[in-house]
C-alpha cells in the first residue's frame, strides 16, 4: 500500500505520501473504521493492482520503479473511468484509495507545513466588529 500511496502523491520539492505517513492513516481507517465488507473490497483492489502489474510488467507492483508504478496506477484509473458498469471493484477501489491518500495527506503535519500555506494564527479575534464594516456576506 505504501507504494500505491507514493505513486499517487510522490515526493518532489514537497513531502510525498510516505513522508506524510499516509499509509499509517490508511491502516488506521482500515483497522478501526472499515466494515468487514469494505476490508474485503479494499484487499480485492490491492490484488487487482498487483495482478495488473504482473500481467503488464511480469513483476509485482511493489517491485516496479516509481515511474512504472505511477504509469500502472494511471492506467488503472483510466480503465476504471472507462469501465462504467464493468469491473465495479476496480472503480470503487481507485476512488477509495485516492480519497484516502488525498485526505490523509492533507490532514498530515508534513503537508500542512510544507505544501499548504501554513499559518498557525491567521488573524486576531475581534469580538465587537461593526456590521457596517462588512463588505460582502455569503450564505448557503
N, C-alpha and C. Protein backbone atom coordinates (compact mmCIF):
# COMPACT_ATOMS: atom_id res chain seq x y z
N UNK A 1 0.83 -1.18 0.00
CA UNK A 1 0.00 0.00 0.00
C UNK A 1 0.87 1.25 0.00
N UNK A 2 2.01 1.16 0.66
CA UNK A 2 2.93 2.30 0.69
C UNK A 2 3.31 2.74 -0.73
N UNK A 3 3.52 1.76 -1.60
CA UNK A 3 3.90 2.07 -2.99
C UNK A 3 2.77 2.77 -3.74
N UNK A 4 1.54 2.34 -3.50
CA UNK A 4 0.41 2.99 -4.16
C UNK A 4 0.28 4.43 -3.68
N UNK A 5 0.43 4.63 -2.38
CA UNK A 5 0.34 5.99 -1.82
C UNK A 5 1.39 6.89 -2.46
N UNK A 6 2.61 6.39 -2.56
CA UNK A 6 3.69 7.19 -3.13
C UNK A 6 3.49 7.39 -4.63
N UNK A 7 2.85 6.43 -5.31
CA UNK A 7 2.56 6.59 -6.73
C UNK A 7 1.52 7.69 -6.95
N UNK A 8 0.61 7.87 -5.99
CA UNK A 8 -0.43 8.89 -6.11
C UNK A 8 0.13 10.27 -5.75
N UNK A 9 0.87 10.36 -4.65
CA UNK A 9 1.49 11.64 -4.25
C UNK A 9 2.97 11.37 -3.98
N UNK A 10 3.80 11.49 -5.02
CA UNK A 10 5.23 11.21 -4.85
C UNK A 10 5.96 12.38 -4.18
N UNK A 11 7.11 12.06 -3.67
CA UNK A 11 7.99 13.07 -3.08
C UNK A 11 8.56 13.93 -4.21
N UNK A 12 8.41 15.22 -4.11
CA UNK A 12 9.00 16.16 -5.07
C UNK A 12 9.71 17.21 -4.23
N UNK A 13 9.49 18.49 -4.52
CA UNK A 13 10.03 19.52 -3.64
C UNK A 13 9.16 19.65 -2.39
N UNK A 14 8.06 18.91 -2.35
CA UNK A 14 7.21 18.81 -1.15
C UNK A 14 7.20 17.35 -0.71
N UNK A 15 6.84 17.10 0.53
CA UNK A 15 6.84 15.71 1.02
C UNK A 15 5.85 14.84 0.24
N UNK A 16 6.21 13.58 0.08
CA UNK A 16 5.32 12.64 -0.56
C UNK A 16 4.41 11.99 0.47
N UNK A 17 3.57 11.08 0.00
CA UNK A 17 2.60 10.42 0.86
C UNK A 17 3.27 9.61 1.96
N UNK A 18 4.40 8.98 1.66
CA UNK A 18 5.08 8.17 2.66
C UNK A 18 5.64 9.05 3.78
N UNK A 19 6.26 10.16 3.42
CA UNK A 19 6.79 11.09 4.41
C UNK A 19 5.67 11.65 5.28
N UNK A 20 4.52 11.86 4.69
CA UNK A 20 3.37 12.39 5.42
C UNK A 20 2.65 11.31 6.22
N UNK A 21 3.17 10.10 6.19
CA UNK A 21 2.64 8.96 6.96
C UNK A 21 1.21 8.58 6.54
N UNK A 22 0.93 8.74 5.26
CA UNK A 22 -0.39 8.38 4.74
C UNK A 22 -0.68 6.89 4.88
N UNK A 23 0.30 6.00 4.64
CA UNK A 23 -0.01 4.57 4.85
C UNK A 23 -0.47 4.26 6.28
N UNK A 24 0.09 4.95 7.27
CA UNK A 24 -0.34 4.75 8.65
C UNK A 24 -1.79 5.22 8.83
N UNK A 25 -2.13 6.33 8.19
CA UNK A 25 -3.50 6.84 8.25
C UNK A 25 -4.47 5.82 7.63
N UNK A 26 -4.10 5.28 6.47
CA UNK A 26 -4.97 4.31 5.79
C UNK A 26 -5.12 3.05 6.63
N UNK A 27 -4.03 2.61 7.25
CA UNK A 27 -4.11 1.43 8.12
C UNK A 27 -5.05 1.68 9.29
N UNK A 28 -5.00 2.87 9.87
CA UNK A 28 -5.92 3.22 10.96
C UNK A 28 -7.37 3.16 10.48
N UNK A 29 -7.64 3.74 9.33
CA UNK A 29 -9.00 3.72 8.78
C UNK A 29 -9.43 2.28 8.50
N UNK A 30 -8.54 1.52 7.90
CA UNK A 30 -8.83 0.11 7.57
C UNK A 30 -9.14 -0.68 8.85
N UNK A 31 -8.30 -0.55 9.86
CA UNK A 31 -8.46 -1.33 11.09
C UNK A 31 -9.65 -0.89 11.94
N UNK A 32 -9.84 0.42 12.05
CA UNK A 32 -10.82 0.93 13.01
C UNK A 32 -12.15 1.36 12.42
N UNK A 33 -12.20 1.64 11.12
CA UNK A 33 -13.42 2.21 10.55
C UNK A 33 -14.07 1.38 9.47
N UNK A 34 -13.29 0.61 8.71
CA UNK A 34 -13.87 -0.18 7.64
C UNK A 34 -14.69 -1.34 8.21
N UNK A 35 -15.78 -1.63 7.54
CA UNK A 35 -16.56 -2.83 7.87
C UNK A 35 -15.84 -4.03 7.26
N UNK A 36 -16.29 -5.22 7.61
CA UNK A 36 -15.69 -6.43 7.05
C UNK A 36 -15.81 -6.44 5.53
N UNK A 37 -16.94 -6.00 5.01
CA UNK A 37 -17.15 -5.95 3.55
C UNK A 37 -16.21 -4.93 2.91
N UNK A 38 -16.04 -3.77 3.53
CA UNK A 38 -15.12 -2.75 2.98
C UNK A 38 -13.68 -3.25 3.00
N UNK A 39 -13.32 -3.99 4.03
CA UNK A 39 -11.97 -4.57 4.09
C UNK A 39 -11.77 -5.55 2.94
N UNK A 40 -12.77 -6.39 2.71
CA UNK A 40 -12.68 -7.38 1.64
C UNK A 40 -12.51 -6.69 0.29
N UNK A 41 -13.31 -5.64 0.06
CA UNK A 41 -13.24 -4.90 -1.20
C UNK A 41 -11.89 -4.21 -1.36
N UNK A 42 -11.37 -3.66 -0.27
CA UNK A 42 -10.10 -2.96 -0.32
C UNK A 42 -8.97 -3.93 -0.65
N UNK A 43 -8.95 -5.08 0.02
CA UNK A 43 -7.93 -6.09 -0.28
C UNK A 43 -8.06 -6.60 -1.70
N UNK A 44 -9.29 -6.76 -2.17
CA UNK A 44 -9.53 -7.17 -3.54
C UNK A 44 -8.92 -6.16 -4.51
N UNK A 45 -9.07 -4.88 -4.19
CA UNK A 45 -8.48 -3.83 -5.02
C UNK A 45 -6.96 -3.90 -5.06
N UNK A 46 -6.35 -4.18 -3.91
CA UNK A 46 -4.89 -4.32 -3.88
C UNK A 46 -4.44 -5.49 -4.76
N UNK A 47 -5.21 -6.59 -4.72
CA UNK A 47 -4.90 -7.74 -5.58
C UNK A 47 -5.08 -7.39 -7.06
N UNK A 48 -6.08 -6.59 -7.38
CA UNK A 48 -6.29 -6.17 -8.76
C UNK A 48 -5.08 -5.38 -9.25
N UNK A 49 -4.60 -4.44 -8.43
CA UNK A 49 -3.43 -3.63 -8.81
C UNK A 49 -2.22 -4.53 -9.03
N UNK A 50 -1.99 -5.44 -8.10
CA UNK A 50 -0.82 -6.32 -8.23
C UNK A 50 -0.95 -7.23 -9.43
N UNK A 51 -2.14 -7.77 -9.67
CA UNK A 51 -2.35 -8.63 -10.84
C UNK A 51 -2.13 -7.88 -12.14
N UNK A 52 -2.59 -6.63 -12.19
CA UNK A 52 -2.39 -5.80 -13.38
C UNK A 52 -0.90 -5.60 -13.63
N UNK A 53 -0.15 -5.31 -12.56
CA UNK A 53 1.30 -5.10 -12.70
C UNK A 53 1.98 -6.38 -13.18
N UNK A 54 1.58 -7.50 -12.65
CA UNK A 54 2.19 -8.77 -13.05
C UNK A 54 1.87 -9.10 -14.52
N UNK A 55 0.65 -8.83 -14.96
CA UNK A 55 0.29 -9.09 -16.36
C UNK A 55 1.05 -8.18 -17.32
N UNK A 56 1.19 -6.92 -16.97
CA UNK A 56 1.80 -5.93 -17.87
C UNK A 56 3.33 -5.92 -17.80
N UNK A 57 3.88 -6.18 -16.60
CA UNK A 57 5.32 -5.99 -16.41
C UNK A 57 6.03 -7.21 -15.80
N UNK A 58 5.33 -8.32 -15.66
CA UNK A 58 5.89 -9.58 -15.18
C UNK A 58 6.49 -9.51 -13.78
N UNK A 59 6.12 -8.52 -13.01
CA UNK A 59 6.56 -8.40 -11.62
C UNK A 59 5.44 -7.78 -10.80
N UNK A 60 5.52 -7.99 -9.49
CA UNK A 60 4.51 -7.40 -8.62
C UNK A 60 4.65 -5.88 -8.61
N UNK A 61 3.60 -5.22 -8.20
CA UNK A 61 3.56 -3.76 -8.17
C UNK A 61 4.70 -3.19 -7.33
N UNK A 62 4.96 -3.79 -6.17
CA UNK A 62 5.97 -3.21 -5.26
C UNK A 62 7.39 -3.36 -5.80
N UNK A 63 7.61 -4.22 -6.75
CA UNK A 63 8.96 -4.41 -7.31
C UNK A 63 9.25 -3.47 -8.48
N UNK A 64 8.26 -2.72 -8.89
CA UNK A 64 8.43 -1.79 -10.01
C UNK A 64 9.05 -0.48 -9.53
N UNK A 65 9.80 0.21 -10.39
CA UNK A 65 10.26 1.55 -10.04
C UNK A 65 9.07 2.51 -9.95
N UNK A 66 9.25 3.61 -9.25
CA UNK A 66 8.15 4.55 -9.01
C UNK A 66 7.50 5.01 -10.31
N UNK A 67 8.29 5.29 -11.34
CA UNK A 67 7.71 5.78 -12.60
C UNK A 67 6.76 4.74 -13.21
N UNK A 68 7.11 3.46 -13.13
CA UNK A 68 6.25 2.40 -13.65
C UNK A 68 5.01 2.26 -12.76
N UNK A 69 5.18 2.37 -11.44
CA UNK A 69 4.04 2.31 -10.53
C UNK A 69 3.04 3.42 -10.85
N UNK A 70 3.56 4.61 -11.11
CA UNK A 70 2.67 5.72 -11.46
C UNK A 70 1.95 5.44 -12.77
N UNK A 71 2.66 4.91 -13.76
CA UNK A 71 2.03 4.57 -15.04
C UNK A 71 0.94 3.51 -14.84
N UNK A 72 1.24 2.51 -14.02
CA UNK A 72 0.27 1.45 -13.76
C UNK A 72 -0.98 2.04 -13.12
N UNK A 73 -0.79 2.89 -12.11
CA UNK A 73 -1.95 3.45 -11.43
C UNK A 73 -2.75 4.36 -12.35
N UNK A 74 -2.06 5.15 -13.19
CA UNK A 74 -2.78 5.99 -14.16
C UNK A 74 -3.59 5.13 -15.13
N UNK A 75 -3.00 4.04 -15.59
CA UNK A 75 -3.70 3.13 -16.49
C UNK A 75 -4.93 2.53 -15.81
N UNK A 76 -4.78 2.16 -14.55
CA UNK A 76 -5.92 1.62 -13.81
C UNK A 76 -7.00 2.67 -13.61
N UNK A 77 -6.61 3.91 -13.39
CA UNK A 77 -7.59 4.99 -13.26
C UNK A 77 -8.38 5.16 -14.55
N UNK A 78 -7.66 5.18 -15.68
CA UNK A 78 -8.34 5.31 -16.98
C UNK A 78 -9.29 4.13 -17.20
N UNK A 79 -8.79 2.94 -16.91
CA UNK A 79 -9.60 1.74 -17.10
C UNK A 79 -10.84 1.79 -16.20
N UNK A 80 -10.67 2.26 -14.97
CA UNK A 80 -11.80 2.37 -14.04
C UNK A 80 -12.83 3.38 -14.53
N UNK A 81 -12.36 4.49 -15.10
CA UNK A 81 -13.27 5.52 -15.61
C UNK A 81 -14.03 5.02 -16.84
N UNK A 82 -13.36 4.24 -17.67
CA UNK A 82 -13.99 3.74 -18.88
C UNK A 82 -14.86 2.51 -18.62
N UNK A 83 -14.69 1.88 -17.48
CA UNK A 83 -15.34 0.60 -17.20
C UNK A 83 -16.85 0.69 -17.08
N UNK A 84 -17.37 1.85 -16.69
CA UNK A 84 -18.81 2.02 -16.47
C UNK A 84 -19.28 0.96 -15.48
N UNK A 85 -20.14 0.05 -15.92
CA UNK A 85 -20.68 -0.96 -15.01
C UNK A 85 -19.82 -2.22 -14.95
N UNK A 86 -18.88 -2.34 -15.86
CA UNK A 86 -17.96 -3.46 -15.79
C UNK A 86 -16.92 -3.15 -14.71
N UNK A 87 -16.43 -4.12 -14.05
CA UNK A 87 -15.34 -4.01 -13.09
C UNK A 87 -15.60 -2.93 -12.03
N UNK A 88 -16.69 -3.07 -11.37
CA UNK A 88 -17.06 -2.12 -10.31
C UNK A 88 -16.04 -2.14 -9.18
N UNK A 89 -15.46 -3.32 -8.89
CA UNK A 89 -14.46 -3.42 -7.82
C UNK A 89 -13.29 -2.49 -8.09
N UNK A 90 -12.81 -2.46 -9.32
CA UNK A 90 -11.68 -1.60 -9.66
C UNK A 90 -12.07 -0.13 -9.50
N UNK A 91 -13.23 0.24 -10.02
CA UNK A 91 -13.67 1.64 -9.94
C UNK A 91 -13.80 2.08 -8.49
N UNK A 92 -14.38 1.25 -7.65
CA UNK A 92 -14.55 1.59 -6.24
C UNK A 92 -13.21 1.65 -5.52
N UNK A 93 -12.32 0.73 -5.85
CA UNK A 93 -11.01 0.75 -5.20
C UNK A 93 -10.23 2.00 -5.56
N UNK A 94 -10.20 2.34 -6.84
CA UNK A 94 -9.47 3.53 -7.28
C UNK A 94 -10.02 4.77 -6.58
N UNK A 95 -11.33 4.89 -6.52
CA UNK A 95 -11.93 6.04 -5.84
C UNK A 95 -11.59 6.05 -4.36
N UNK A 96 -11.67 4.90 -3.73
CA UNK A 96 -11.40 4.81 -2.28
C UNK A 96 -9.95 5.12 -1.97
N UNK A 97 -9.02 4.51 -2.70
CA UNK A 97 -7.60 4.72 -2.39
C UNK A 97 -7.19 6.16 -2.65
N UNK A 98 -7.70 6.75 -3.72
CA UNK A 98 -7.38 8.16 -3.99
C UNK A 98 -7.93 9.06 -2.89
N UNK A 99 -9.16 8.81 -2.48
CA UNK A 99 -9.77 9.62 -1.42
C UNK A 99 -8.98 9.48 -0.12
N UNK A 100 -8.60 8.27 0.23
CA UNK A 100 -7.84 8.06 1.46
C UNK A 100 -6.47 8.71 1.41
N UNK A 101 -5.79 8.59 0.28
CA UNK A 101 -4.45 9.17 0.15
C UNK A 101 -4.52 10.69 0.22
N UNK A 102 -5.41 11.29 -0.53
CA UNK A 102 -5.51 12.75 -0.53
C UNK A 102 -5.95 13.28 0.83
N UNK A 103 -6.93 12.62 1.45
CA UNK A 103 -7.40 13.05 2.77
C UNK A 103 -6.29 12.91 3.80
N UNK A 104 -5.67 11.75 3.83
CA UNK A 104 -4.58 11.52 4.78
C UNK A 104 -3.43 12.48 4.57
N UNK A 105 -3.12 12.76 3.32
CA UNK A 105 -2.01 13.66 3.01
C UNK A 105 -2.28 15.07 3.51
N UNK A 106 -3.43 15.60 3.16
CA UNK A 106 -3.69 17.00 3.52
C UNK A 106 -4.10 17.18 4.98
N UNK A 107 -4.32 16.08 5.70
CA UNK A 107 -4.52 16.17 7.14
C UNK A 107 -3.20 16.05 7.90
N UNK A 108 -2.13 15.73 7.21
CA UNK A 108 -0.85 15.49 7.88
C UNK A 108 -0.12 16.79 8.19
N UNK A 109 0.73 16.71 9.18
CA UNK A 109 1.55 17.86 9.55
C UNK A 109 2.53 18.19 8.43
N UNK A 110 3.11 17.16 7.83
CA UNK A 110 4.09 17.38 6.76
C UNK A 110 3.48 18.18 5.61
N UNK A 111 2.28 17.82 5.20
CA UNK A 111 1.63 18.54 4.10
C UNK A 111 1.19 19.94 4.52
N UNK A 112 0.65 20.05 5.72
CA UNK A 112 0.15 21.36 6.13
C UNK A 112 1.27 22.37 6.31
N UNK A 113 2.46 21.90 6.69
CA UNK A 113 3.58 22.83 6.88
C UNK A 113 4.41 23.05 5.63
N UNK A 114 4.41 22.07 4.72
CA UNK A 114 5.30 22.16 3.57
C UNK A 114 4.60 22.31 2.22
N UNK A 115 3.33 21.99 2.15
CA UNK A 115 2.60 22.04 0.89
C UNK A 115 1.58 23.17 0.91
N UNK A 116 0.82 23.24 1.99
CA UNK A 116 -0.20 24.28 2.11
C UNK A 116 0.43 25.56 2.66
N UNK A 117 -0.29 26.64 2.57
CA UNK A 117 0.17 27.90 3.16
C UNK A 117 -0.13 27.82 4.66
N UNK A 118 0.87 27.43 5.42
CA UNK A 118 0.69 27.19 6.85
C UNK A 118 0.79 28.49 7.63
N UNK A 119 -0.26 28.80 8.36
CA UNK A 119 -0.28 29.98 9.22
C UNK A 119 -1.03 29.59 10.48
N UNK A 120 -0.31 29.27 11.57
CA UNK A 120 -0.98 28.76 12.76
C UNK A 120 -1.93 29.76 13.42
N UNK A 121 -1.70 31.05 13.24
CA UNK A 121 -2.59 32.06 13.81
C UNK A 121 -2.89 33.08 12.72
N UNK A 122 -3.89 32.80 11.87
CA UNK A 122 -4.10 33.62 10.68
C UNK A 122 -4.60 35.04 10.95
N UNK A 123 -5.25 35.26 12.07
CA UNK A 123 -5.77 36.60 12.32
C UNK A 123 -6.06 36.73 13.80
N UNK A 124 -6.33 37.92 14.19
CA UNK A 124 -6.70 38.13 15.59
C UNK A 124 -8.22 38.09 15.70
N UNK A 125 -8.69 37.80 16.87
CA UNK A 125 -10.13 37.76 17.10
C UNK A 125 -10.60 39.14 17.51
N UNK A 126 -11.62 39.60 16.83
CA UNK A 126 -12.20 40.89 17.16
C UNK A 126 -13.68 40.66 17.43
N UNK A 127 -14.03 40.54 18.69
CA UNK A 127 -15.38 40.15 19.08
C UNK A 127 -16.44 41.22 18.85
N UNK A 128 -16.06 42.47 18.85
CA UNK A 128 -17.03 43.56 18.67
C UNK A 128 -16.76 44.23 17.34
N UNK A 129 -17.22 43.59 16.25
CA UNK A 129 -16.94 44.08 14.91
C UNK A 129 -18.22 44.66 14.33
N UNK A 130 -18.14 45.89 13.89
CA UNK A 130 -19.33 46.58 13.37
C UNK A 130 -19.80 45.95 12.06
N UNK A 131 -21.06 45.66 11.97
CA UNK A 131 -21.63 45.05 10.77
C UNK A 131 -21.48 45.97 9.56
N UNK A 132 -21.42 47.27 9.78
CA UNK A 132 -21.23 48.23 8.68
C UNK A 132 -19.88 48.05 7.99
N UNK A 133 -18.92 47.46 8.67
CA UNK A 133 -17.58 47.26 8.10
C UNK A 133 -17.50 46.04 7.20
N UNK A 134 -18.54 45.23 7.15
CA UNK A 134 -18.54 44.01 6.34
C UNK A 134 -18.98 44.39 4.93
N UNK A 135 -18.13 44.08 3.94
CA UNK A 135 -18.45 44.42 2.55
C UNK A 135 -19.44 43.44 1.93
N UNK A 136 -19.10 42.16 1.94
CA UNK A 136 -19.94 41.14 1.34
C UNK A 136 -20.14 40.02 2.33
N UNK A 137 -21.28 39.42 2.26
CA UNK A 137 -21.54 38.24 3.07
C UNK A 137 -22.05 37.14 2.17
N UNK A 138 -21.66 35.93 2.46
CA UNK A 138 -22.09 34.78 1.67
C UNK A 138 -22.87 33.84 2.56
N UNK A 139 -23.83 33.22 1.98
CA UNK A 139 -24.61 32.25 2.73
C UNK A 139 -24.94 31.08 1.82
N UNK A 140 -25.24 29.96 2.43
CA UNK A 140 -25.62 28.76 1.67
C UNK A 140 -27.00 28.36 2.04
